[in-house]
């Protein structure tokens, strides 16, 4: 992670970050929904 932040952005930099962040965001949302369902 630290190496990524220090590396200069190439043309594929933002696309690569989005490609990684979108699945993580989806997983995070699913996890939050699952926690809410458990609370009910």
Protein backbone atom coordinates (compact mmCIF):
# COMPACT_ATOMS: atom_id res chain seq x y z
CA UNK A 1 0.00 0.00 0.00
CA UNK A 2 2.75 2.47 0.94
CA UNK A 3 4.64 1.68 -2.27
CA UNK A 4 1.52 2.44 -4.32
CA UNK A 5 0.98 5.84 -2.72
CA UNK A 6 4.63 6.82 -3.35
CA UNK A 7 4.60 5.68 -6.99
CA UNK A 8 3.82 8.40 -9.58
CA UNK A 9 0.44 8.01 -11.25
CA UNK A 10 0.65 6.45 -14.69
CA UNK A 11 -2.22 6.55 -17.19
CA UNK A 12 -3.50 3.27 -15.72
CA UNK A 13 -3.08 4.42 -12.10
CA UNK A 14 -6.59 5.80 -11.44
CA UNK A 15 -8.20 2.91 -13.33
CA UNK A 16 -6.25 0.36 -11.28
CA UNK A 17 -7.26 2.06 -8.03
CA UNK A 18 -10.94 2.08 -9.06
CA UNK A 19 -10.71 -1.59 -10.09
CA UNK A 20 -9.43 -2.41 -6.59
CA UNK A 21 -11.64 -0.02 -4.61
CA UNK A 22 -14.99 -0.93 -6.21
CA UNK A 23 -14.91 -4.62 -5.08
CA UNK A 24 -13.70 -3.51 -1.64
CA UNK A 25 -16.55 -1.00 -1.40
CA UNK A 26 -19.05 -3.64 -2.49
CA UNK A 27 -17.69 -6.05 0.12
CA UNK A 28 -17.86 -3.32 2.80
CA UNK A 29 -21.48 -2.48 1.96
CA UNK A 30 -22.45 -6.16 1.97
CA UNK A 31 -20.74 -6.58 5.33
CA UNK A 32 -22.63 -3.59 6.78
CA UNK A 33 -25.93 -4.97 5.48
CA UNK A 34 -25.17 -8.39 6.97
CA UNK A 35 -24.38 -6.81 10.35
CA UNK A 36 -27.66 -4.86 10.27
CA UNK A 37 -29.58 -8.06 9.44
CA UNK A 38 -27.93 -9.86 12.36
CA UNK A 39 -28.97 -7.05 14.71
CA UNK A 40 -32.65 -7.47 13.77
